Amino acid sequence: MSPLRALVRPVSGRRTRLTHEQAEQRSLLLRLLSLLLQYPDRELATARTSLAASVAKLSHSPASAELTSFMNWFVAQPSDTLESHYVEVFDLRRKSGLYLTYYLHGDTRRRGMALLTLAQTYRAAGWDPGAGELPDHLPVALEFAALTGHGAGEAPLRRHRRGLELIHHALSDARSPYRHLLAALLTLLPPATEADLLAVAQLAAEGPPAEDVGTDPYGTAAFAPPGTFVPPPPAPPTTAPSHPTSNAETRR
């Protein structure tokens, strides 16, 4: 998913009670969040000035204020600092990874089914995110929400609100500027219930569900989302050939 292509894709299929201006602002917010939560490669780093200008044009809101705080940091950092920080907080820490189904299902077979269902949801809406990322990667889900609209488009985000809360808490504990992006997103979703907060606290303390699934997290290849590598079954163990008994041993 190219960061710059995502910014200019048309918005269609929206079913919402928002005014046209509100819908456009919400879509732009979601697109910006999708872009800024991607790995800060050379293309994204080069686009920082234009992205900052887009953030500055947003109507004032709690979400836009959070994006502004993030951009103040983002535009001021050297590219290598951005890259290393991104890897540190999103790739090396389980509690702030960006794969949403992990928080709901852990490394279980149910996660494979959830990934497949999410991919089918995208295809049913007429959108193909490509094969670059799993369908539960947060930037992918955000782009889908921006393109599809407030109702069905944001359903995957609402479904994984507890995971988003945990990511925000983990980023806040790490004092990462990326916490502002998660805070901005959470302002667009329904408020957390008491049950949500209790579940997040339990998730932070105990981790997601666990299951001994061996080397295949999807159980069988049939449950793997399209494009996902499924390891082949392990080869049978190699046993040493038995040695024939010598005549001398037989006489003994």
C-alpha atoms as a PDB file:
ATOM      1  CA  MET A   1       0.000   0.000   0.000  1.00  0.00           C
ATOM      2  CA  SER A   2       1.737   3.133  -1.202  1.00  0.00           C
ATOM      3  CA  PRO A   3       1.438   5.975   1.331  1.00  0.00           C
ATOM      4  CA  LEU A   4       1.032   8.664  -1.293  1.00  0.00           C
ATOM      5  CA  ARG A   5      -1.484   6.729  -3.374  1.00  0.00           C
ATOM      6  CA  ALA A   6      -3.632   6.261  -0.275  1.00  0.00           C
ATOM      7  CA  LEU A   7      -3.914  10.012   0.177  1.00  0.00           C
ATOM      8  CA  VAL A   8      -5.484  10.619  -3.211  1.00  0.00           C
ATOM      9  CA  ARG A   9      -7.774   7.628  -3.646  1.00  0.00           C
ATOM     10  CA  PRO A  10     -11.441   8.589  -4.163  1.00  0.00           C
ATOM     11  CA  VAL A  11     -13.986   8.103  -1.405  1.00  0.00           C
ATOM     12  CA  SER A  12     -17.074   6.121  -2.399  1.00  0.00           C
ATOM     13  CA  GLY A  13     -19.814   3.928  -1.016  1.00  0.00           C
ATOM     14  CA  ARG A  14     -20.363   6.029   2.097  1.00  0.00           C
ATOM     15  CA  ARG A  15     -23.573   5.463   4.042  1.00  0.00           C
ATOM     16  CA  THR A  16     -23.649   7.993   6.851  1.00  0.00           C
ATOM     17  CA  ARG A  17     -25.660  10.789   8.418  1.00  0.00           C
ATOM     18  CA  LEU A  18     -22.657  13.071   8.479  1.00  0.00           C
ATOM     19  CA  THR A  19     -22.790  16.169   6.318  1.00  0.00           C
ATOM     20  CA  HIS A  20     -20.659  16.129   3.188  1.00  0.00           C
ATOM     21  CA  GLU A  21     -18.063  18.392   4.817  1.00  0.00           C
ATOM     22  CA  GLN A  22     -17.955  16.286   7.986  1.00  0.00           C
ATOM     23  CA  ALA A  23     -17.598  13.100   5.952  1.00  0.00           C
ATOM     24  CA  GLU A  24     -14.721  14.565   3.946  1.00  0.00           C
ATOM     25  CA  GLN A  25     -12.949  15.738   7.110  1.00  0.00           C
ATOM     26  CA  ARG A  26     -13.379  12.343   8.750  1.00  0.00           C
ATOM     27  CA  SER A  27     -12.109  10.563   5.659  1.00  0.00           C
ATOM     28  CA  LEU A  28      -9.043  12.813   5.505  1.00  0.00           C
ATOM     29  CA  LEU A  29      -8.343  12.187   9.201  1.00  0.00           C
ATOM     30  CA  LEU A  30      -8.475   8.434   8.674  1.00  0.00           C
ATOM     31  CA  ARG A  31      -6.260   8.613   5.580  1.00  0.00           C
ATOM     32  CA  LEU A  32      -3.687  10.679   7.425  1.00  0.00           C
ATOM     33  CA  LEU A  33      -3.704   8.218  10.327  1.00  0.00           C
ATOM     34  CA  SER A  34      -3.249   5.358   7.874  1.00  0.00           C
ATOM     35  CA  LEU A  35      -0.284   7.073   6.269  1.00  0.00           C
ATOM     36  CA  LEU A  36       1.416   8.163   9.475  1.00  0.00           C
ATOM     37  CA  LEU A  37       1.149   4.719  11.073  1.00  0.00           C
ATOM     38  CA  GLN A  38       3.051   3.122   8.200  1.00  0.00           C
ATOM     39  CA  TYR A  39       6.784   2.522   8.292  1.00  0.00           C
ATOM     40  CA  PRO A  40       8.532   5.881   7.702  1.00  0.00           C
ATOM     41  CA  ASP A  41      10.425   4.933   4.560  1.00  0.00           C
ATOM     42  CA  ARG A  42      12.027   7.443   2.215  1.00  0.00           C
ATOM     43  CA  GLU A  43       8.775   8.167   0.370  1.00  0.00           C
ATOM     44  CA  LEU A  44       6.885   8.951   3.551  1.00  0.00           C
ATOM     45  CA  ALA A  45       9.753  10.963   5.049  1.00  0.00           C
ATOM     46  CA  THR A  46       9.965  13.058   1.883  1.00  0.00           C
ATOM     47  CA  ALA A  47       6.227  13.773   2.063  1.00  0.00           C
ATOM     48  CA  ARG A  48       6.322  15.140   5.615  1.00  0.00           C
ATOM     49  CA  THR A  49       5.940  18.778   4.584  1.00  0.00           C
ATOM     50  CA  SER A  50       2.844  18.103   2.473  1.00  0.00           C
ATOM     51  CA  LEU A  51       1.376  15.882   5.195  1.00  0.00           C
ATOM     52  CA  ALA A  52       1.904  18.611   7.775  1.00  0.00           C
ATOM     53  CA  ALA A  53       0.095  21.052   5.468  1.00  0.00           C
ATOM     54  CA  SER A  54      -2.837  18.616   5.202  1.00  0.00           C
ATOM     55  CA  VAL A  55      -3.009  18.309   8.992  1.00  0.00           C
ATOM     56  CA  ALA A  56      -2.966  22.105   9.325  1.00  0.00           C
ATOM     57  CA  LYS A  57      -6.035  22.355   7.068  1.00  0.00           C
ATOM     58  CA  LEU A  58      -8.149  20.078   9.270  1.00  0.00           C
ATOM     59  CA  SER A  59     -11.000  21.637  11.191  1.00  0.00           C
ATOM     60  CA  HIS A  60     -10.190  22.046  14.857  1.00  0.00           C
ATOM     61  CA  SER A  61     -11.142  18.963  16.882  1.00  0.00           C
ATOM     62  CA  PRO A  62      -9.596  16.738  19.552  1.00  0.00           C
ATOM     63  CA  ALA A  63      -8.382  14.415  16.768  1.00  0.00           C
ATOM     64  CA  SER A  64      -6.747  17.200  14.761  1.00  0.00           C
ATOM     65  CA  ALA A  65      -5.056  18.518  17.909  1.00  0.00           C
ATOM     66  CA  GLU A  66      -3.515  15.077  18.498  1.00  0.00           C
ATOM     67  CA  LEU A  67      -2.330  14.887  14.887  1.00  0.00           C
ATOM     68  CA  THR A  68      -0.754  18.323  15.193  1.00  0.00           C
ATOM     69  CA  SER A  69       1.180  17.227  18.280  1.00  0.00           C
ATOM     70  CA  PHE A  70       2.461  14.195  16.423  1.00  0.00           C
ATOM     71  CA  MET A  71       3.450  16.165  13.326  1.00  0.00           C
ATOM     72  CA  ASN A  72       5.455  18.640  15.410  1.00  0.00           C
ATOM     73  CA  TRP A  73       7.667  15.723  16.400  1.00  0.00           C
ATOM     74  CA  PHE A  74       7.530  13.856  13.101  1.00  0.00           C
ATOM     75  CA  VAL A  75       8.771  16.687  10.879  1.00  0.00           C
ATOM     76  CA  ALA A  76      11.656  17.533  13.220  1.00  0.00           C
ATOM     77  CA  GLN A  77      13.302  14.102  13.403  1.00  0.00           C
ATOM     78  CA  PRO A  78      16.074  12.734  11.180  1.00  0.00           C
ATOM     79  CA  SER A  79      14.929   9.879   8.970  1.00  0.00           C
ATOM     80  CA  ASP A  80      17.052   7.279  10.759  1.00  0.00           C
ATOM     81  CA  THR A  81      15.552   8.291  14.104  1.00  0.00           C
ATOM     82  CA  LEU A  82      12.040   7.850  12.718  1.00  0.00           C
ATOM     83  CA  GLU A  83      12.884   4.430  11.352  1.00  0.00           C
ATOM     84  CA  SER A  84      14.533   3.116  14.509  1.00  0.00           C
ATOM     85  CA  HIS A  85      11.778   4.450  16.757  1.00  0.00           C
ATOM     86  CA  TYR A  86       9.084   2.845  14.605  1.00  0.00           C
ATOM     87  CA  VAL A  87      10.808  -0.543  14.753  1.00  0.00           C
ATOM     88  CA  GLU A  88      11.290  -0.225  18.505  1.00  0.00           C
ATOM     89  CA  VAL A  89       7.675   0.514  19.382  1.00  0.00           C
ATOM     90  CA  PHE A  90       5.773  -1.464  16.744  1.00  0.00           C
ATOM     91  CA  ASP A  91       7.975  -4.387  15.758  1.00  0.00           C
ATOM     92  CA  LEU A  92       9.768  -5.236  19.001  1.00  0.00           C
ATOM     93  CA  ARG A  93       6.937  -4.827  21.515  1.00  0.00           C
ATOM     94  CA  ARG A  94       3.967  -7.171  21.545  1.00  0.00           C
ATOM     95  CA  LYS A  95       1.658  -4.789  23.401  1.00  0.00           C
ATOM     96  CA  SER A  96       1.961  -2.105  20.752  1.00  0.00           C
ATOM     97  CA  GLY A  97       2.028  -4.175  17.564  1.00  0.00           C
ATOM     98  CA  LEU A  98      -0.358  -2.993  14.853  1.00  0.00           C
ATOM     99  CA  TYR A  99      -2.017  -6.336  14.020  1.00  0.00           C
ATOM    100  CA  LEU A 100      -5.485  -6.012  15.515  1.00  0.00           C
ATOM    101  CA  THR A 101      -6.700  -9.609  15.554  1.00  0.00           C
ATOM    102  CA  TYR A 102      -3.740 -10.601  17.739  1.00  0.00           C
ATOM    103  CA  TYR A 103      -5.266  -8.769  20.712  1.00  0.00           C
ATOM    104  CA  LEU A 104      -8.621 -10.478  20.303  1.00  0.00           C
ATOM    105  CA  HIS A 105      -7.469 -13.990  19.387  1.00  0.00           C
ATOM    106  CA  GLY A 106      -3.749 -14.225  20.177  1.00  0.00           C
ATOM    107  CA  ASP A 107      -1.775 -16.832  18.247  1.00  0.00           C
ATOM    108  CA  THR A 108      -4.715 -19.211  17.916  1.00  0.00           C
ATOM    109  CA  ARG A 109      -6.526 -20.806  15.019  1.00  0.00           C
ATOM    110  CA  ARG A 110      -9.384 -18.367  15.569  1.00  0.00           C
ATOM    111  CA  ARG A 111      -7.071 -15.585  14.468  1.00  0.00           C
ATOM    112  CA  GLY A 112      -6.650 -17.258  11.088  1.00  0.00           C
ATOM    113  CA  MET A 113     -10.402 -17.335  10.630  1.00  0.00           C
ATOM    114  CA  ALA A 114     -10.677 -13.686  11.712  1.00  0.00           C
ATOM    115  CA  LEU A 115      -8.059 -12.675   9.151  1.00  0.00           C
ATOM    116  CA  LEU A 116      -9.879 -14.553   6.417  1.00  0.00           C
ATOM    117  CA  THR A 117     -13.201 -12.945   7.372  1.00  0.00           C
ATOM    118  CA  LEU A 118     -11.632  -9.486   7.328  1.00  0.00           C
ATOM    119  CA  ALA A 119     -10.116 -10.070   3.889  1.00  0.00           C
ATOM    120  CA  GLN A 120     -13.523 -11.205   2.620  1.00  0.00           C
ATOM    121  CA  THR A 121     -15.100  -8.046   4.073  1.00  0.00           C
ATOM    122  CA  TYR A 122     -12.703  -5.910   2.054  1.00  0.00           C
ATOM    123  CA  ARG A 123     -13.380  -7.830  -1.143  1.00  0.00           C
ATOM    124  CA  ALA A 124     -17.147  -7.685  -0.622  1.00  0.00           C
ATOM    125  CA  ALA A 125     -16.870  -3.886  -0.465  1.00  0.00           C
ATOM    126  CA  GLY A 126     -14.981  -3.885  -3.756  1.00  0.00           C
ATOM    127  CA  TRP A 127     -11.598  -3.030  -2.289  1.00  0.00           C
ATOM    128  CA  ASP A 128      -8.343  -4.912  -2.660  1.00  0.00           C
ATOM    129  CA  PRO A 129      -5.627  -3.772  -0.240  1.00  0.00           C
ATOM    130  CA  GLY A 130      -2.951  -5.753  -2.073  1.00  0.00           C
ATOM    131  CA  ALA A 131      -0.659  -8.415  -0.715  1.00  0.00           C
ATOM    132  CA  GLY A 132       1.804  -6.191   1.136  1.00  0.00           C
ATOM    133  CA  GLU A 133       0.257  -6.548   4.601  1.00  0.00           C
ATOM    134  CA  LEU A 134      -2.170  -8.755   6.502  1.00  0.00           C
ATOM    135  CA  PRO A 135      -5.745  -7.402   6.476  1.00  0.00           C
ATOM    136  CA  ASP A 136      -5.708  -6.663  10.206  1.00  0.00           C
ATOM    137  CA  HIS A 137      -2.723  -4.289   9.975  1.00  0.00           C
ATOM    138  CA  LEU A 138      -4.025  -1.034  11.434  1.00  0.00           C
ATOM    139  CA  PRO A 139      -3.006   1.199   8.490  1.00  0.00           C
ATOM    140  CA  VAL A 140      -4.903  -1.169   6.163  1.00  0.00           C
ATOM    141  CA  ALA A 141      -8.036  -1.065   8.343  1.00  0.00           C
ATOM    142  CA  LEU A 142      -7.789   2.734   8.506  1.00  0.00           C
ATOM    143  CA  GLU A 143      -7.557   3.069   4.736  1.00  0.00           C
ATOM    144  CA  PHE A 144     -10.598   0.821   4.339  1.00  0.00           C
ATOM    145  CA  ALA A 145     -12.506   3.018   6.800  1.00  0.00           C
ATOM    146  CA  ALA A 146     -11.512   6.169   4.911  1.00  0.00           C
ATOM    147  CA  LEU A 147     -12.624   4.751   1.577  1.00  0.00           C
ATOM    148  CA  THR A 148     -15.812   2.972   2.645  1.00  0.00           C
ATOM    149  CA  GLY A 149     -17.319   5.368   5.148  1.00  0.00           C
ATOM    150  CA  HIS A 150     -18.453   5.916   8.684  1.00  0.00           C
ATOM    151  CA  GLY A 151     -20.738   2.876   8.992  1.00  0.00           C
ATOM    152  CA  ALA A 152     -19.469  -0.359   7.490  1.00  0.00           C
ATOM    153  CA  GLY A 153     -16.008   1.065   6.829  1.00  0.00           C
ATOM    154  CA  GLU A 154     -15.279   1.720  10.491  1.00  0.00           C
ATOM    155  CA  ALA A 155     -16.827  -1.524  11.749  1.00  0.00           C
ATOM    156  CA  PRO A 156     -13.453  -3.352  11.940  1.00  0.00           C
ATOM    157  CA  LEU A 157     -12.045  -0.506  14.053  1.00  0.00           C
ATOM    158  CA  ARG A 158     -15.026  -0.567  16.410  1.00  0.00           C
ATOM    159  CA  ARG A 159     -14.750  -4.345  16.688  1.00  0.00           C
ATOM    160  CA  HIS A 160     -11.133  -4.055  17.805  1.00  0.00           C
ATOM    161  CA  ARG A 161     -11.517  -1.062  20.092  1.00  0.00           C
ATOM    162  CA  ARG A 162     -10.081  -2.894  23.086  1.00  0.00           C
ATOM    163  CA  GLY A 163      -6.934  -3.750  21.167  1.00  0.00           C
ATOM    164  CA  LEU A 164      -6.622  -0.114  20.094  1.00  0.00           C
ATOM    165  CA  GLU A 165      -6.924   0.961  23.732  1.00  0.00           C
ATOM    166  CA  LEU A 166      -4.131  -1.414  24.709  1.00  0.00           C
ATOM    167  CA  ILE A 167      -1.874  -0.117  21.927  1.00  0.00           C
ATOM    168  CA  HIS A 168      -2.534   3.443  23.092  1.00  0.00           C
ATOM    169  CA  HIS A 169      -1.723   2.544  26.701  1.00  0.00           C
ATOM    170  CA  ALA A 170       1.501   0.809  25.669  1.00  0.00           C
ATOM    171  CA  LEU A 171       2.613   3.753  23.531  1.00  0.00           C
ATOM    172  CA  SER A 172       1.784   6.158  26.363  1.00  0.00           C
ATOM    173  CA  ASP A 173       3.806   4.076  28.818  1.00  0.00           C
ATOM    174  CA  ALA A 174       6.717   4.190  26.362  1.00  0.00           C
ATOM    175  CA  ARG A 175       6.205   7.957  25.923  1.00  0.00           C
ATOM    176  CA  SER A 176       6.153   7.446  22.182  1.00  0.00           C
ATOM    177  CA  PRO A 177       4.814  10.329  20.068  1.00  0.00           C
ATOM    178  CA  TYR A 178       2.791   7.705  18.196  1.00  0.00           C
ATOM    179  CA  ARG A 179       0.448   7.739  21.179  1.00  0.00           C
ATOM    180  CA  HIS A 180      -1.048  10.908  19.685  1.00  0.00           C
ATOM    181  CA  LEU A 181      -2.156   9.011  16.581  1.00  0.00           C
ATOM    182  CA  LEU A 182      -3.914   6.327  18.606  1.00  0.00           C
ATOM    183  CA  ALA A 183      -5.485   9.009  20.791  1.00  0.00           C
ATOM    184  CA  ALA A 184      -6.770  10.755  17.669  1.00  0.00           C
ATOM    185  CA  LEU A 185      -8.291   7.524  16.384  1.00  0.00           C
ATOM    186  CA  LEU A 186      -9.979   6.728  19.689  1.00  0.00           C
ATOM    187  CA  THR A 187     -11.755  10.103  19.640  1.00  0.00           C
ATOM    188  CA  LEU A 188     -13.499   8.978  16.436  1.00  0.00           C
ATOM    189  CA  LEU A 189     -14.842   5.756  17.970  1.00  0.00           C
ATOM    190  CA  PRO A 190     -17.653   5.265  20.498  1.00  0.00           C
ATOM    191  CA  PRO A 191     -16.467   5.858  24.083  1.00  0.00           C
ATOM    192  CA  ALA A 192     -15.057   2.858  25.925  1.00  0.00           C
ATOM    193  CA  THR A 193     -17.491   1.161  28.290  1.00  0.00           C
ATOM    194  CA  GLU A 194     -16.593  -0.031  31.764  1.00  0.00           C
ATOM    195  CA  ALA A 195     -16.491  -3.564  30.372  1.00  0.00           C
ATOM    196  CA  ASP A 196     -14.050  -2.402  27.697  1.00  0.00           C
ATOM    197  CA  LEU A 197     -11.718  -0.869  30.269  1.00  0.00           C
ATOM    198  CA  LEU A 198     -11.821  -3.972  32.464  1.00  0.00           C
ATOM    199  CA  ALA A 199     -11.078  -6.161  29.452  1.00  0.00           C
ATOM    200  CA  VAL A 200      -8.143  -3.938  28.451  1.00  0.00           C
ATOM    201  CA  ALA A 201      -6.714  -4.142  31.980  1.00  0.00           C
ATOM    202  CA  GLN A 202      -7.009  -7.936  31.905  1.00  0.00           C
ATOM    203  CA  LEU A 203      -5.471  -8.064  28.437  1.00  0.00           C
ATOM    204  CA  ALA A 204      -2.538  -5.937  29.602  1.00  0.00           C
ATOM    205  CA  ALA A 205      -1.985  -8.170  32.626  1.00  0.00           C
ATOM    206  CA  GLU A 206      -2.511 -11.603  31.068  1.00  0.00           C
ATOM    207  CA  GLY A 207      -1.943 -11.105  27.350  1.00  0.00           C
ATOM    208  CA  PRO A 208      -4.165 -12.381  24.530  1.00  0.00           C
ATOM    209  CA  PRO A 209      -5.522 -15.940  24.312  1.00  0.00           C
ATOM    210  CA  ALA A 210      -2.908 -18.637  23.835  1.00  0.00           C
ATOM    211  CA  GLU A 211      -3.050 -21.970  22.088  1.00  0.00           C
ATOM    212  CA  ASP A 212      -0.430 -24.530  21.195  1.00  0.00           C
ATOM    213  CA  VAL A 213      -0.726 -24.468  17.439  1.00  0.00           C
ATOM    214  CA  GLY A 214       2.764 -25.634  16.517  1.00  0.00           C
ATOM    215  CA  THR A 215       4.334 -23.964  13.500  1.00  0.00           C
ATOM    216  CA  ASP A 216       1.036 -23.339  11.668  1.00  0.00           C
ATOM    217  CA  PRO A 217      -0.984 -20.484  13.257  1.00  0.00           C
ATOM    218  CA  TYR A 218      -3.943 -21.181  10.950  1.00  0.00           C
ATOM    219  CA  GLY A 219      -4.335 -24.868  11.713  1.00  0.00           C
ATOM    220  CA  THR A 220      -4.486 -25.782   8.023  1.00  0.00           C
ATOM    221  CA  ALA A 221      -3.692 -23.949   4.819  1.00  0.00           C
ATOM    222  CA  ALA A 222      -7.431 -23.597   4.146  1.00  0.00           C
ATOM    223  CA  PHE A 223      -7.710 -21.045   6.959  1.00  0.00           C
ATOM    224  CA  ALA A 224      -4.764 -18.879   5.938  1.00  0.00           C
ATOM    225  CA  PRO A 225      -5.562 -15.452   4.436  1.00  0.00           C
ATOM    226  CA  PRO A 226      -4.588 -15.004   0.778  1.00  0.00           C
ATOM    227  CA  GLY A 227      -0.875 -14.585   0.241  1.00  0.00           C
ATOM    228  CA  THR A 228       0.080 -15.880   3.687  1.00  0.00           C
ATOM    229  CA  PHE A 229       2.946 -18.362   3.863  1.00  0.00           C
ATOM    230  CA  VAL A 230       1.887 -21.602   5.505  1.00  0.00           C
ATOM    231  CA  PRO A 231       4.840 -23.790   6.542  1.00  0.00           C
ATOM    232  CA  PRO A 232       4.789 -27.345   5.174  1.00  0.00           C
ATOM    233  CA  PRO A 233       4.211 -30.192   7.644  1.00  0.00           C
ATOM    234  CA  PRO A 234       7.396 -31.330   9.393  1.00  0.00           C
ATOM    235  CA  ALA A 235       9.261 -34.197   7.846  1.00  0.00           C
ATOM    236  CA  PRO A 236       9.194 -37.508   9.749  1.00  0.00           C
ATOM    237  CA  PRO A 237      12.178 -38.036  12.033  1.00  0.00           C
ATOM    238  CA  THR A 238      15.216 -39.714  10.562  1.00  0.00           C
ATOM    239  CA  THR A 239      16.141 -42.938  12.366  1.00  0.00           C
ATOM    240  CA  ALA A 240      19.502 -44.623  12.230  1.00  0.00           C
ATOM    241  CA  PRO A 241      19.436 -47.925  10.304  1.00  0.00           C
ATOM    242  CA  SER A 242      19.746 -50.990  12.463  1.00  0.00           C
ATOM    243  CA  HIS A 243      23.081 -52.815  12.185  1.00  0.00           C
ATOM    244  CA  PRO A 244      22.974 -56.554  11.375  1.00  0.00           C
ATOM    245  CA  THR A 245      24.147 -58.773  14.192  1.00  0.00           C
ATOM    246  CA  SER A 246      27.626 -60.174  13.561  1.00  0.00           C
ATOM    247  CA  ASN A 247      28.282 -63.913  13.495  1.00  0.00           C
ATOM    248  CA  ALA A 248      30.515 -63.579  16.533  1.00  0.00           C
ATOM    249  CA  GLU A 249      27.715 -61.936  18.506  1.00  0.00           C
ATOM    250  CA  THR A 250      25.306 -64.640  17.356  1.00  0.00           C
ATOM    251  CA  ARG A 251      27.630 -67.422  18.614  1.00  0.00           C
ATOM    252  CA  ARG A 252      27.766 -65.697  22.019  1.00  0.00           C
END
